[in-house]
Amino acid sequence: MDRTLQKGPSQRQLKVGEEVRHLISDILIREDFHDPLLSQGKASITEVRMSPDLKHARAFVLPLGAENCKEFVQALNDHAREIRHCLSKMMTLRYLPKIFFVEDKAFFQASHIEKIFNSTHVKQDLLKHSDDSEGHA
């Protein structure tokens, strides 16, 4: 099978991404960054996606409370070099990935979809559809 036709990340990408996610979370808890935003705020690293060559990592971040998200992500990107240096002490990869922090919008999108499903218009359509299917059975 041609590897160029393969869809999605490889097992190695997933494994390294998960390890990087855990280590970044530990670094954010244990290290003292000279940034008031990072020292006061806690965040969840929800996912780390690795490039196929494992040289780049995109870390998805969700600050707890979801306050100052853009500023928090910018502060993490400003300190990415320090975080990468801490990672170098903990990992044994041939190439240490360059880390880019990105705001994780998946939870907000899920919340928005849930609001849509709970709206009265959609509930009416769902009830109407279930009544029609029961009548044909």
C-alpha atoms as a PDB file:
ATOM      1  CA  MET A   1       0.000   0.000   0.000  1.00  0.00           C
ATOM      2  CA  ASP A   2       1.318   3.434  -0.918  1.00  0.00           C
ATOM      3  CA  ARG A   3       1.966   5.512   2.216  1.00  0.00           C
ATOM      4  CA  THR A   4       0.932   8.706   0.408  1.00  0.00           C
ATOM      5  CA  LEU A   5      -2.620   7.393   0.195  1.00  0.00           C
ATOM      6  CA  GLN A   6      -2.765   6.732   3.950  1.00  0.00           C
ATOM      7  CA  LYS A   7      -5.326   8.925   5.701  1.00  0.00           C
ATOM      8  CA  GLY A   8      -4.853  10.359   9.169  1.00  0.00           C
ATOM      9  CA  PRO A   9      -1.880  10.307  11.497  1.00  0.00           C
ATOM     10  CA  SER A  10       0.325   7.258  11.925  1.00  0.00           C
ATOM     11  CA  GLN A  11       0.537   5.319  15.174  1.00  0.00           C
ATOM     12  CA  ARG A  12       3.947   6.897  15.808  1.00  0.00           C
ATOM     13  CA  GLN A  13       2.523  10.406  15.364  1.00  0.00           C
ATOM     14  CA  LEU A  14      -0.301   9.620  17.785  1.00  0.00           C
ATOM     15  CA  LYS A  15       2.027   8.074  20.366  1.00  0.00           C
ATOM     16  CA  VAL A  16       4.570  10.910  20.268  1.00  0.00           C
ATOM     17  CA  GLY A  17       1.776  13.505  20.273  1.00  0.00           C
ATOM     18  CA  GLU A  18       0.233  12.002  23.382  1.00  0.00           C
ATOM     19  CA  GLU A  19       3.601  11.886  25.143  1.00  0.00           C
ATOM     20  CA  VAL A  20       4.296  15.516  24.238  1.00  0.00           C
ATOM     21  CA  ARG A  21       0.823  16.474  25.502  1.00  0.00           C
ATOM     22  CA  HIS A  22       1.487  14.885  28.901  1.00  0.00           C
ATOM     23  CA  LEU A  23       4.923  16.438  29.196  1.00  0.00           C
ATOM     24  CA  ILE A  24       3.751  19.941  28.254  1.00  0.00           C
ATOM     25  CA  SER A  25       0.985  19.663  30.857  1.00  0.00           C
ATOM     26  CA  ASP A  26       3.576  18.709  33.484  1.00  0.00           C
ATOM     27  CA  ILE A  27       5.841  21.566  32.426  1.00  0.00           C
ATOM     28  CA  LEU A  28       3.025  24.098  32.712  1.00  0.00           C
ATOM     29  CA  ILE A  29       2.241  22.875  36.224  1.00  0.00           C
ATOM     30  CA  ARG A  30       5.804  22.616  37.536  1.00  0.00           C
ATOM     31  CA  GLU A  31       7.793  25.333  35.806  1.00  0.00           C
ATOM     32  CA  ASP A  32       7.810  28.961  36.865  1.00  0.00           C
ATOM     33  CA  PHE A  33       7.484  31.236  33.864  1.00  0.00           C
ATOM     34  CA  HIS A  34       8.106  34.924  34.335  1.00  0.00           C
ATOM     35  CA  ASP A  35       4.781  35.786  32.818  1.00  0.00           C
ATOM     36  CA  PRO A  36       1.846  36.785  35.020  1.00  0.00           C
ATOM     37  CA  LEU A  37      -0.653  35.248  32.618  1.00  0.00           C
ATOM     38  CA  LEU A  38       1.019  31.832  32.684  1.00  0.00           C
ATOM     39  CA  SER A  39       1.732  31.860  36.411  1.00  0.00           C
ATOM     40  CA  GLN A  40      -1.866  32.618  37.409  1.00  0.00           C
ATOM     41  CA  GLY A  41      -3.779  30.731  34.753  1.00  0.00           C
ATOM     42  CA  LYS A  42      -4.068  27.005  34.344  1.00  0.00           C
ATOM     43  CA  ALA A  43      -4.815  25.377  31.051  1.00  0.00           C
ATOM     44  CA  SER A  44      -5.626  22.043  29.533  1.00  0.00           C
ATOM     45  CA  ILE A  45      -3.568  20.786  26.636  1.00  0.00           C
ATOM     46  CA  THR A  46      -6.376  18.921  24.923  1.00  0.00           C
ATOM     47  CA  GLU A  47      -4.429  17.479  21.997  1.00  0.00           C
ATOM     48  CA  VAL A  48      -1.037  17.591  20.297  1.00  0.00           C
ATOM     49  CA  ARG A  49      -0.894  16.861  16.576  1.00  0.00           C
ATOM     50  CA  MET A  50       2.488  15.918  15.192  1.00  0.00           C
ATOM     51  CA  SER A  51       3.681  16.466  11.635  1.00  0.00           C
ATOM     52  CA  PRO A  52       4.559  13.281   9.715  1.00  0.00           C
ATOM     53  CA  ASP A  53       8.295  13.927  10.202  1.00  0.00           C
ATOM     54  CA  LEU A  54       7.740  14.641  13.949  1.00  0.00           C
ATOM     55  CA  LYS A  55       9.557  17.985  13.646  1.00  0.00           C
ATOM     56  CA  HIS A  56       6.505  20.159  14.319  1.00  0.00           C
ATOM     57  CA  ALA A  57       3.811  19.903  16.937  1.00  0.00           C
ATOM     58  CA  ARG A  58       0.540  21.809  17.153  1.00  0.00           C
ATOM     59  CA  ALA A  59      -0.676  21.900  20.746  1.00  0.00           C
ATOM     60  CA  PHE A  60      -4.352  22.718  21.265  1.00  0.00           C
ATOM     61  CA  VAL A  61      -4.927  24.720  24.438  1.00  0.00           C
ATOM     62  CA  LEU A  62      -8.027  25.478  26.453  1.00  0.00           C
ATOM     63  CA  PRO A  63      -7.467  27.776  29.444  1.00  0.00           C
ATOM     64  CA  LEU A  64      -9.571  26.806  32.450  1.00  0.00           C
ATOM     65  CA  GLY A  65     -12.468  29.195  32.646  1.00  0.00           C
ATOM     66  CA  ALA A  66     -11.820  30.052  28.963  1.00  0.00           C
ATOM     67  CA  GLU A  67     -10.850  33.601  29.939  1.00  0.00           C
ATOM     68  CA  ASN A  68      -8.169  35.542  28.067  1.00  0.00           C
ATOM     69  CA  CYS A  69      -7.759  32.619  25.702  1.00  0.00           C
ATOM     70  CA  LYS A  70      -6.031  34.522  22.892  1.00  0.00           C
ATOM     71  CA  GLU A  71      -3.649  36.261  25.313  1.00  0.00           C
ATOM     72  CA  PHE A  72      -2.897  32.973  27.071  1.00  0.00           C
ATOM     73  CA  VAL A  73      -2.119  31.195  23.789  1.00  0.00           C
ATOM     74  CA  GLN A  74       0.092  34.118  22.742  1.00  0.00           C
ATOM     75  CA  ALA A  75       1.963  33.922  26.059  1.00  0.00           C
ATOM     76  CA  LEU A  76       2.517  30.191  25.510  1.00  0.00           C
ATOM     77  CA  ASN A  77       3.846  30.854  22.011  1.00  0.00           C
ATOM     78  CA  ASP A  78       6.151  33.532  23.437  1.00  0.00           C
ATOM     79  CA  HIS A  79       7.520  30.926  25.891  1.00  0.00           C
ATOM     80  CA  ALA A  80       7.530  28.022  23.408  1.00  0.00           C
ATOM     81  CA  ARG A  81      11.321  28.027  23.301  1.00  0.00           C
ATOM     82  CA  GLU A  82      11.548  27.594  27.092  1.00  0.00           C
ATOM     83  CA  ILE A  83       8.922  24.844  26.997  1.00  0.00           C
ATOM     84  CA  ARG A  84      10.828  23.121  24.191  1.00  0.00           C
ATOM     85  CA  HIS A  85      14.031  23.349  26.252  1.00  0.00           C
ATOM     86  CA  CYS A  86      12.252  21.643  29.170  1.00  0.00           C
ATOM     87  CA  LEU A  87      10.969  18.980  26.769  1.00  0.00           C
ATOM     88  CA  SER A  88      14.529  18.309  25.586  1.00  0.00           C
ATOM     89  CA  LYS A  89      15.430  17.161  29.093  1.00  0.00           C
ATOM     90  CA  MET A  90      12.508  14.723  29.190  1.00  0.00           C
ATOM     91  CA  MET A  91      12.385  13.218  25.677  1.00  0.00           C
ATOM     92  CA  THR A  92      14.799  11.212  23.608  1.00  0.00           C
ATOM     93  CA  LEU A  93      13.802  11.950  20.027  1.00  0.00           C
ATOM     94  CA  ARG A  94      16.239  12.483  17.203  1.00  0.00           C
ATOM     95  CA  TYR A  95      14.605  15.843  16.453  1.00  0.00           C
ATOM     96  CA  LEU A  96      12.731  17.714  19.132  1.00  0.00           C
ATOM     97  CA  PRO A  97       9.522  19.140  17.655  1.00  0.00           C
ATOM     98  CA  LYS A  98       8.997  22.857  17.284  1.00  0.00           C
ATOM     99  CA  ILE A  99       5.802  23.637  19.208  1.00  0.00           C
ATOM    100  CA  PHE A 100       3.008  25.931  18.087  1.00  0.00           C
ATOM    101  CA  PHE A 101       0.177  26.615  20.529  1.00  0.00           C
ATOM    102  CA  VAL A 102      -3.346  27.060  19.143  1.00  0.00           C
ATOM    103  CA  GLU A 103      -6.662  27.830  20.814  1.00  0.00           C
ATOM    104  CA  ASP A 104      -8.871  24.739  20.986  1.00  0.00           C
ATOM    105  CA  LYS A 105     -12.305  25.708  19.703  1.00  0.00           C
ATOM    106  CA  ALA A 106     -13.797  22.201  19.711  1.00  0.00           C
ATOM    107  CA  PHE A 107     -15.547  22.633  23.078  1.00  0.00           C
ATOM    108  CA  PHE A 108     -17.129  25.910  21.986  1.00  0.00           C
ATOM    109  CA  GLN A 109     -18.278  24.338  18.726  1.00  0.00           C
ATOM    110  CA  ALA A 110     -19.769  21.370  20.585  1.00  0.00           C
ATOM    111  CA  SER A 111     -21.596  23.740  22.923  1.00  0.00           C
ATOM    112  CA  HIS A 112     -22.944  25.694  19.955  1.00  0.00           C
ATOM    113  CA  ILE A 113     -24.187  22.501  18.266  1.00  0.00           C
ATOM    114  CA  GLU A 114     -25.847  21.396  21.499  1.00  0.00           C
ATOM    115  CA  LYS A 115     -27.666  24.744  21.717  1.00  0.00           C
ATOM    116  CA  ILE A 116     -28.892  24.264  18.152  1.00  0.00           C
ATOM    117  CA  PHE A 117     -30.193  20.762  18.921  1.00  0.00           C
ATOM    118  CA  ASN A 118     -31.976  22.069  22.015  1.00  0.00           C
ATOM    119  CA  SER A 119     -33.628  24.959  20.177  1.00  0.00           C
ATOM    120  CA  THR A 120     -37.404  24.790  19.813  1.00  0.00           C
ATOM    121  CA  HIS A 121     -37.318  24.743  15.994  1.00  0.00           C
ATOM    122  CA  VAL A 122     -35.074  21.708  15.837  1.00  0.00           C
ATOM    123  CA  LYS A 123     -37.002  19.888  18.583  1.00  0.00           C
ATOM    124  CA  GLN A 124     -40.235  20.461  16.638  1.00  0.00           C
ATOM    125  CA  ASP A 125     -38.657  19.039  13.488  1.00  0.00           C
ATOM    126  CA  LEU A 126     -37.336  16.022  15.382  1.00  0.00           C
ATOM    127  CA  LEU A 127     -40.728  15.337  16.962  1.00  0.00           C
ATOM    128  CA  LYS A 128     -42.455  15.747  13.602  1.00  0.00           C
ATOM    129  CA  HIS A 129     -39.987  13.331  11.980  1.00  0.00           C
ATOM    130  CA  SER A 130     -40.427  10.713  14.729  1.00  0.00           C
ATOM    131  CA  ASP A 131     -44.245  10.968  14.453  1.00  0.00           C
ATOM    132  CA  ASP A 132     -44.035  10.457  10.662  1.00  0.00           C
ATOM    133  CA  SER A 133     -41.803   7.398  10.993  1.00  0.00           C
ATOM    134  CA  GLU A 134     -44.110   5.810  13.602  1.00  0.00           C
ATOM    135  CA  GLY A 135     -47.106   6.292  11.305  1.00  0.00           C
ATOM    136  CA  HIS A 136     -45.419   4.409   8.453  1.00  0.00           C
ATOM    137  CA  ALA A 137     -44.365   1.438  10.583  1.00  0.00           C
END
